[in-house]
Amino acid sequence: MQQVNLQGLTYFLERHEGPCLSLYQPTHRSHPENQQDIIRYKNLVKELESSLAEKYAKRDITAIMKPFHDLGEDRDFWQQKVLDGLAILADETRFQIFTLQRQPEEFAVVSDSFHLKPLLRLTQTQDRFQVLCVSRTDIQMYEGTRDGLDQVLFADDFPEHIDDPTEEVVDVPVTSYGLGPSNRQGQVMYYKGSRKDAIQTDKERFLGAVARALYNNISKEGKLPVVLVGLPENIGVFRKNNQNPYVLEQEINIDPTSLTVEQLLKKAWPVVEPVAAKRVQDEIARFKQAHGTGLANGDLENVLGAVLDGRVDTLMVDAEKRIAGKIDRENRKVELLNDFSDPEAEDVLDDLAEMVIRRSGDVKIIPSQYMPTDTGLAAIYRF
């Protein structure tokens, strides 16, 4: 299983020969609700097989569908490792499972590209944040949204305990791997970095090392707001060495070991909510200002042309909207279709988002009520 981030989606953003299979399913963390998850999953697998049968030979279908069938028989996975949603992206060479903290719309499709919008929504949503629980001798970290938090488990070389013979990580991009995320089921997010100078294990050096490693290993790449939770004397030591702009000024002064994860979320979200709202408002203001100078647009075909020319700096996409159609890159046209029952139908918004990311632009998934247009997208141009 793969942690959901843009690094983890790099392979799926590329163009591939052969069929690309995308499956999304709402799931449940506990009994008895999760008893129906396997049945619903197997029905979606049948939909994929039916779509493949229209174009491919039986022997090819058997090979590509084998991992799907194997997962359907993995009782341990369905009883212990699912969260609130499941996404599977697969082709002839790769089968990747993503466990999700939000329930996606049920969806299974075979196409010439992967359906990524639900995953992009998770990685680019403006309400995602992290919580760092600080004590004198230990740290714990959680990541999530207003809907839930799940535990982050650090790599062995991250300064997690005061008595760890850990070495500091400097200017190393994040790599994430492993199961996750879910503190409830023992699934975790992993962050890995490299080593440098040994760190003394007293309180001040330990929490100083944590502050530096948090920025260099996690925040520099993820750019998520971080809420600090801990007693004032411990957070104060952390802040002495903190130069991380993503650590929020408002903190929660309480012993974090006295809180359940649900209580932690209840206290942390009010701290993050105005920050998340401001991030959205700032993007909308940018769009409106740029629109006044001709450097922003919300028309599908105008935006398509700007994407193809590499002009799009930021693309805002409506989180609740899908548009059935096909993109004709050669003629710079968007052909709209009636619905997704057409075998050639793609989500136009999904395709445009992928195109922007491939051209080093930013994609931000915005709740419908905040979108500055009614077309499902709003683009800010570089020039």
Protein backbone atom coordinates (compact mmCIF):
# COMPACT_ATOMS: atom_id res chain seq x y z
CA MET A 1 0.00 0.00 0.00
CA GLN A 2 1.15 3.50 -0.76
CA GLN A 3 0.84 6.74 1.19
CA VAL A 4 -1.13 9.27 -0.84
CA ASN A 5 1.06 12.16 -1.96
CA LEU A 6 2.20 13.61 -5.26
CA GLN A 7 5.41 11.58 -5.15
CA GLY A 8 3.35 8.42 -4.83
CA LEU A 9 1.27 9.41 -7.87
CA THR A 10 4.18 10.25 -10.21
CA TYR A 11 4.01 6.94 -12.07
CA PHE A 12 0.26 7.25 -12.60
CA LEU A 13 0.53 10.79 -13.97
CA GLU A 14 2.59 9.52 -16.88
CA ARG A 15 1.09 8.29 -20.13
CA HIS A 16 0.94 4.50 -20.47
CA GLU A 17 0.36 2.01 -23.24
CA GLY A 18 -2.42 -0.47 -22.62
CA PRO A 19 -5.39 -0.29 -20.26
CA CYS A 20 -5.35 1.80 -17.09
CA LEU A 21 -7.68 0.50 -14.37
CA SER A 22 -9.03 2.77 -11.62
CA LEU A 23 -11.23 1.53 -8.78
CA TYR A 24 -12.64 3.64 -5.94
CA GLN A 25 -14.79 2.32 -3.11
CA PRO A 26 -16.13 3.61 0.20
CA THR A 27 -15.06 1.26 3.03
CA HIS A 28 -15.58 0.95 6.76
CA ARG A 29 -13.11 0.61 9.62
CA SER A 30 -15.14 -1.61 11.91
CA HIS A 31 -17.60 -4.49 12.20
CA PRO A 32 -20.42 -4.94 11.24
CA GLU A 33 -20.35 -2.16 8.61
CA ASN A 34 -17.27 -3.62 6.90
CA GLN A 35 -19.00 -6.94 6.18
CA GLN A 36 -20.42 -5.58 2.92
CA ASP A 37 -17.12 -4.09 1.72
CA ILE A 38 -15.82 -7.29 0.09
CA ILE A 39 -19.11 -7.85 -1.76
CA ARG A 40 -19.14 -4.31 -3.12
CA TYR A 41 -15.48 -4.65 -4.08
CA LYS A 42 -16.08 -7.85 -6.05
CA ASN A 43 -18.94 -6.20 -7.92
CA LEU A 44 -16.61 -3.37 -8.95
CA VAL A 45 -14.01 -5.91 -10.08
CA LYS A 46 -16.66 -7.51 -12.32
CA GLU A 47 -17.30 -4.09 -13.89
CA LEU A 48 -13.61 -3.78 -14.71
CA GLU A 49 -13.55 -7.25 -16.25
CA SER A 50 -16.59 -6.47 -18.38
CA SER A 51 -14.96 -3.29 -19.68
CA LEU A 52 -11.72 -5.12 -20.46
CA ALA A 53 -13.61 -7.85 -22.32
CA GLU A 54 -14.73 -5.33 -24.92
CA LYS A 55 -11.16 -4.78 -26.17
CA TYR A 56 -8.75 -7.40 -24.82
CA ALA A 57 -8.12 -11.14 -25.07
CA LYS A 58 -9.10 -13.40 -22.18
CA ARG A 59 -5.50 -14.35 -21.33
CA ASP A 60 -4.54 -10.67 -21.03
CA ILE A 61 -7.56 -9.98 -18.83
CA THR A 62 -6.70 -12.91 -16.52
CA ALA A 63 -3.18 -11.60 -15.95
CA ILE A 64 -4.12 -8.00 -15.22
CA MET A 65 -7.06 -8.97 -12.98
CA LYS A 66 -5.22 -11.54 -10.85
CA PRO A 67 -4.09 -9.03 -8.17
CA PHE A 68 -7.67 -7.74 -7.90
CA HIS A 69 -8.98 -11.26 -7.27
CA ASP A 70 -6.18 -12.02 -4.80
CA LEU A 71 -7.09 -8.92 -2.80
CA GLY A 72 -10.73 -10.00 -2.76
CA GLU A 73 -9.68 -13.17 -0.95
CA ASP A 74 -7.40 -11.42 1.55
CA ARG A 75 -9.55 -11.49 4.70
CA ASP A 76 -6.82 -9.91 6.80
CA PHE A 77 -6.84 -6.83 4.58
CA TRP A 78 -10.60 -6.37 4.69
CA GLN A 79 -10.84 -6.93 8.44
CA GLN A 80 -7.82 -4.96 9.65
CA LYS A 81 -6.30 -2.66 7.03
CA VAL A 82 -9.11 -0.68 5.44
CA LEU A 83 -9.95 2.88 6.43
CA ASP A 84 -12.78 5.04 5.09
CA GLY A 85 -12.06 4.48 1.43
CA LEU A 86 -10.08 2.42 -1.04
CA ALA A 87 -8.42 3.35 -4.32
CA ILE A 88 -6.64 0.94 -6.64
CA LEU A 89 -4.69 1.95 -9.73
CA ALA A 90 -3.40 -0.83 -11.93
CA ASP A 91 -2.05 -1.63 -15.37
CA GLU A 92 -0.16 -4.54 -16.90
CA THR A 93 2.92 -3.92 -14.75
CA ARG A 94 1.68 -2.29 -11.54
CA PHE A 95 -1.03 -2.79 -8.91
CA GLN A 96 -1.15 -0.05 -6.27
CA ILE A 97 -3.50 0.15 -3.28
CA PHE A 98 -4.24 3.45 -1.52
CA THR A 99 -6.19 3.48 1.74
CA LEU A 100 -8.12 6.73 2.19
CA GLN A 101 -9.32 8.81 5.13
CA ARG A 102 -12.40 9.98 3.23
CA GLN A 103 -15.08 7.99 1.49
CA PRO A 104 -14.84 8.43 -2.29
CA GLU A 105 -17.65 8.06 -4.78
CA GLU A 106 -17.90 4.43 -5.91
CA PHE A 107 -16.27 4.21 -9.30
CA ALA A 108 -14.56 1.61 -11.53
CA VAL A 109 -13.30 2.37 -15.01
CA VAL A 110 -10.91 1.14 -17.69
CA SER A 111 -9.37 3.91 -19.77
CA ASP A 112 -6.18 5.03 -21.51
CA SER A 113 -5.27 7.10 -18.43
CA PHE A 114 -5.77 6.77 -14.69
CA HIS A 115 -8.65 8.48 -12.91
CA LEU A 116 -6.77 10.49 -10.28
CA LYS A 117 -9.03 13.32 -9.22
CA PRO A 118 -10.13 11.70 -5.91
CA LEU A 119 -6.47 11.15 -4.99
CA LEU A 120 -5.48 14.61 -6.15
CA ARG A 121 -8.28 15.91 -3.94
CA LEU A 122 -6.62 14.24 -0.95
CA THR A 123 -3.12 15.48 -1.75
CA GLN A 124 -4.15 19.01 -2.79
CA THR A 125 -7.05 19.69 -0.45
CA GLN A 126 -6.72 22.90 1.51
CA ASP A 127 -7.89 21.49 4.86
CA ARG A 128 -5.17 18.87 5.35
CA PHE A 129 -2.91 19.44 8.36
CA GLN A 130 -0.54 17.85 10.85
CA VAL A 131 -0.43 17.75 14.65
CA LEU A 132 2.87 17.43 16.53
CA CYS A 133 2.55 16.23 20.13
CA VAL A 134 5.59 17.37 22.12
CA SER A 135 6.76 16.13 25.50
CA ARG A 136 10.11 16.43 27.25
CA THR A 137 11.34 13.07 26.01
CA ASP A 138 9.12 12.03 23.08
CA ILE A 139 7.13 13.24 20.11
CA GLN A 140 4.16 11.85 18.23
CA MET A 141 2.67 13.13 15.01
CA TYR A 142 -0.72 12.84 13.33
CA GLU A 143 -1.92 13.84 9.89
CA GLY A 144 -5.39 14.23 8.46
CA THR A 145 -8.30 16.53 7.79
CA ARG A 146 -11.40 17.71 9.63
CA ASP A 147 -12.74 14.19 9.07
CA GLY A 148 -10.05 12.36 11.03
CA LEU A 149 -6.43 12.04 12.12
CA ASP A 150 -4.09 9.10 11.65
CA GLN A 151 -0.70 8.51 13.21
CA VAL A 152 2.59 9.24 11.48
CA LEU A 153 5.40 6.79 12.19
CA PHE A 154 8.86 8.14 11.53
CA ALA A 155 11.81 6.31 10.04
CA ASP A 156 14.46 5.04 12.46
CA ASP A 157 16.75 8.00 11.84
CA PHE A 158 14.17 10.64 12.81
CA PRO A 159 14.65 12.07 16.35
CA GLU A 160 11.54 10.60 17.97
CA HIS A 161 12.81 9.83 21.50
CA ILE A 162 15.29 11.68 23.66
CA ASP A 163 17.40 8.54 24.12
CA ASP A 164 17.52 7.63 20.44
CA PRO A 165 21.05 7.67 18.98
CA THR A 166 19.56 9.64 16.11
CA GLU A 167 21.35 11.83 13.63
CA GLU A 168 20.02 15.03 12.15
CA VAL A 169 18.62 15.24 8.64
CA VAL A 170 19.40 18.34 6.61
CA ASP A 171 17.82 19.44 3.34
CA VAL A 172 16.54 16.02 2.26
CA PRO A 173 13.26 15.63 0.34
CA VAL A 174 10.56 13.45 1.84
CA THR A 175 10.15 9.87 0.77
CA SER A 176 7.07 8.07 2.02
CA TYR A 177 6.38 4.38 1.92
CA GLY A 178 4.60 1.55 3.66
CA LEU A 179 1.12 1.01 5.00
CA GLY A 180 -1.13 3.80 5.92
CA PRO A 181 -2.42 5.85 7.29
CA SER A 182 -4.32 4.63 10.36
CA ASN A 183 -3.42 4.72 14.01
CA ARG A 184 -6.54 2.67 14.68
CA GLN A 185 -5.42 -0.34 12.73
CA GLY A 186 -1.65 -0.14 13.19
CA GLN A 187 -1.17 1.42 9.76
CA VAL A 188 1.10 4.40 9.59
CA MET A 189 2.72 7.03 7.43
CA TYR A 190 6.46 6.71 7.06
CA TYR A 191 8.91 9.55 6.47
CA LYS A 192 12.51 8.77 5.71
CA GLY A 193 15.56 11.00 5.44
CA SER A 194 19.35 10.72 5.52
CA ARG A 195 21.87 11.11 8.35
CA LYS A 196 24.31 13.83 9.41
CA ASP A 197 25.87 14.84 12.73
CA ALA A 198 25.05 13.02 15.98
CA ILE A 199 22.63 14.81 18.32
CA GLN A 200 23.08 15.06 22.09
CA THR A 201 20.13 13.55 23.94
CA ASP A 202 19.30 16.26 26.45
CA LYS A 203 15.90 17.94 26.23
CA GLU A 204 16.97 21.14 24.49
CA ARG A 205 19.09 19.42 21.86
CA PHE A 206 16.45 16.75 21.33
CA LEU A 207 13.57 19.16 20.73
CA GLY A 208 15.80 21.42 18.67
CA ALA A 209 16.69 18.46 16.48
CA VAL A 210 12.99 17.62 16.15
CA ALA A 211 12.24 21.18 15.01
CA ARG A 212 14.93 21.06 12.32
CA ALA A 213 14.08 17.55 11.15
CA LEU A 214 10.38 18.37 10.96
CA TYR A 215 11.07 21.17 8.53
CA ASN A 216 13.78 19.47 6.45
CA ASN A 217 12.14 16.04 6.28
CA ILE A 218 8.44 16.83 6.19
CA SER A 219 7.23 20.42 6.02
CA LYS A 220 9.55 21.63 3.26
CA GLU A 221 7.99 19.13 0.88
CA GLY A 222 4.47 18.75 2.28
CA LYS A 223 3.82 22.43 3.16
CA LEU A 224 1.02 21.50 5.56
CA PRO A 225 0.04 23.54 8.63
CA VAL A 226 1.40 22.03 11.85
CA VAL A 227 -0.37 22.42 15.20
CA LEU A 228 1.79 21.99 18.30
CA VAL A 229 0.32 20.21 21.32
CA GLY A 230 2.18 20.07 24.62
CA LEU A 231 2.98 21.75 27.89
CA PRO A 232 4.28 25.34 27.50
CA GLU A 233 7.76 24.52 28.85
CA ASN A 234 8.27 21.84 26.19
CA ILE A 235 6.78 23.76 23.27
CA GLY A 236 8.88 26.76 24.31
CA VAL A 237 12.08 24.75 23.91
CA PHE A 238 10.88 23.48 20.54
CA ARG A 239 10.11 27.00 19.32
CA LYS A 240 13.59 28.27 20.29
CA ASN A 241 15.01 26.28 17.39
CA ASN A 242 12.01 26.42 15.09
CA GLN A 243 12.32 28.24 11.77
CA ASN A 244 9.53 26.28 10.14
CA PRO A 245 6.98 28.70 8.61
CA TYR A 246 4.34 25.96 8.54
CA VAL A 247 4.22 25.62 12.35
CA LEU A 248 1.21 27.66 13.48
CA GLU A 249 1.51 30.35 16.13
CA GLN A 250 -1.56 29.17 17.99
CA GLU A 251 -0.84 26.08 20.05
CA ILE A 252 -2.67 23.71 22.39
CA ASN A 253 -1.17 23.77 25.88
CA ILE A 254 -2.07 20.42 27.38
CA ASP A 255 -0.31 17.15 28.06
CA PRO A 256 -0.97 15.29 24.78
CA THR A 257 -0.91 11.89 26.49
CA SER A 258 -4.16 12.86 28.22
CA LEU A 259 -6.05 13.06 24.90
CA THR A 260 -7.53 10.42 22.64
CA VAL A 261 -7.10 10.88 18.89
CA GLU A 262 -10.72 12.02 18.64
CA GLN A 263 -10.16 14.62 21.37
CA LEU A 264 -6.97 15.74 19.68
CA LEU A 265 -8.87 16.34 16.43
CA LYS A 266 -11.63 18.20 18.26
CA LYS A 267 -9.07 20.59 19.75
CA ALA A 268 -6.82 20.93 16.68
CA TRP A 269 -9.38 21.56 13.95
CA PRO A 270 -10.59 24.92 15.35
CA VAL A 271 -6.93 26.04 15.25
CA VAL A 272 -6.52 24.95 11.63
CA GLU A 273 -9.94 25.90 10.26
CA PRO A 274 -9.28 29.66 9.87
CA VAL A 275 -5.87 28.90 8.36
CA ALA A 276 -7.41 26.53 5.82
CA ALA A 277 -10.15 29.04 5.03
CA LYS A 278 -7.58 31.79 4.51
CA ARG A 279 -5.60 29.59 2.12
CA VAL A 280 -8.72 29.20 -0.01
CA GLN A 281 -9.61 32.88 0.24
CA ASP A 282 -6.10 33.89 -0.79
CA GLU A 283 -6.32 31.72 -3.91
CA ILE A 284 -9.71 33.16 -4.82
CA ALA A 285 -8.35 36.70 -4.37
CA ARG A 286 -5.39 35.83 -6.58
CA PHE A 287 -7.76 34.58 -9.26
CA LYS A 288 -9.94 37.67 -9.15
CA GLN A 289 -6.97 40.01 -9.32
CA ALA A 290 -5.39 38.08 -12.19
CA HIS A 291 -8.72 37.87 -14.01
CA GLY A 292 -8.89 41.64 -14.06
CA THR A 293 -5.60 41.78 -15.95
CA GLY A 294 -6.39 38.92 -18.34
CA LEU A 295 -4.15 36.44 -16.52
CA ALA A 296 -6.92 34.14 -15.29
CA ASN A 297 -9.83 32.30 -16.87
CA GLY A 298 -12.53 29.77 -16.09
CA ASP A 299 -13.55 28.73 -19.61
CA LEU A 300 -12.76 25.07 -20.39
CA GLU A 301 -11.26 25.53 -23.86
CA ASN A 302 -9.40 28.73 -22.98
CA VAL A 303 -7.85 26.98 -20.01
CA LEU A 304 -7.03 23.93 -22.14
CA GLY A 305 -5.08 26.11 -24.56
CA ALA A 306 -3.19 27.76 -21.70
CA VAL A 307 -2.38 24.35 -20.19
CA LEU A 308 -1.03 23.07 -23.50
CA ASP A 309 1.15 26.19 -23.79
CA GLY A 310 2.50 25.70 -20.26
CA ARG A 311 0.98 28.98 -19.11
CA VAL A 312 -1.04 27.73 -16.12
CA ASP A 313 0.56 28.46 -12.77
CA THR A 314 -2.37 27.36 -10.57
CA LEU A 315 -5.50 25.39 -11.42
CA MET A 316 -8.36 25.40 -8.93
CA VAL A 317 -10.74 22.46 -9.38
CA ASP A 318 -14.23 22.12 -7.93
CA ALA A 319 -14.08 19.28 -5.39
CA GLU A 320 -17.64 18.11 -6.07
CA LYS A 321 -17.84 18.43 -9.84
CA ARG A 322 -17.10 15.99 -12.67
CA ILE A 323 -17.44 16.74 -16.38
CA ALA A 324 -17.84 13.89 -18.89
CA GLY A 325 -15.98 14.48 -22.11
CA LYS A 326 -12.83 14.05 -24.18
CA ILE A 327 -9.88 16.38 -24.67
CA ASP A 328 -8.67 16.79 -28.25
CA ARG A 329 -5.14 18.07 -27.68
CA GLU A 330 -4.32 18.43 -31.37
CA ASN A 331 -7.27 20.73 -32.08
CA ARG A 332 -7.37 22.26 -28.59
CA LYS A 333 -10.98 21.31 -28.13
CA VAL A 334 -13.10 19.84 -25.35
CA GLU A 335 -15.82 17.48 -26.57
CA LEU A 336 -18.52 17.22 -23.91
CA LEU A 337 -20.46 13.96 -23.55
CA ASN A 338 -23.82 13.29 -21.95
CA ASP A 339 -22.55 11.14 -19.08
CA PHE A 340 -19.89 8.67 -18.02
CA SER A 341 -21.69 5.67 -19.50
CA ASP A 342 -19.99 6.49 -22.81
CA PRO A 343 -16.88 4.21 -23.00
CA GLU A 344 -14.82 7.13 -24.29
CA ALA A 345 -15.83 9.50 -21.49
CA GLU A 346 -13.13 10.92 -19.23
CA ASP A 347 -13.42 13.42 -16.42
CA VAL A 348 -12.25 16.57 -18.21
CA LEU A 349 -11.38 18.26 -14.92
CA ASP A 350 -9.29 15.26 -13.90
CA ASP A 351 -7.42 15.31 -17.24
CA LEU A 352 -6.71 19.04 -17.03
CA ALA A 353 -5.45 18.70 -13.45
CA GLU A 354 -3.05 15.95 -14.51
CA MET A 355 -1.83 18.03 -17.45
CA VAL A 356 -1.11 21.00 -15.19
CA ILE A 357 0.87 18.88 -12.71
CA ARG A 358 2.92 17.36 -15.53
CA ARG A 359 3.86 20.90 -16.57
CA SER A 360 4.99 21.82 -13.04
CA GLY A 361 1.87 23.78 -12.17
CA ASP A 362 -0.09 23.64 -8.93
CA VAL A 363 -3.52 22.07 -8.54
CA LYS A 364 -5.74 23.04 -5.63
CA ILE A 365 -8.99 21.25 -4.90
CA ILE A 366 -11.56 23.79 -3.66
CA PRO A 367 -15.00 23.19 -2.10
CA SER A 368 -17.82 24.09 -4.49
CA GLN A 369 -19.16 26.93 -2.36
CA TYR A 370 -15.86 28.84 -2.67
CA MET A 371 -15.21 28.37 -6.39
CA PRO A 372 -15.09 31.74 -8.23
CA THR A 373 -16.60 30.18 -11.40
CA ASP A 374 -19.41 27.73 -12.17
CA THR A 375 -17.44 25.82 -14.82
CA GLY A 376 -15.67 23.52 -12.38
CA LEU A 377 -12.28 25.16 -12.73
CA ALA A 378 -10.43 28.45 -12.40
CA ALA A 379 -6.93 28.93 -13.78
CA ILE A 380 -4.29 31.53 -12.92
CA TYR A 381 -1.74 32.06 -15.69
CA ARG A 382 2.02 32.57 -15.49
CA PHE A 383 1.95 35.00 -18.41
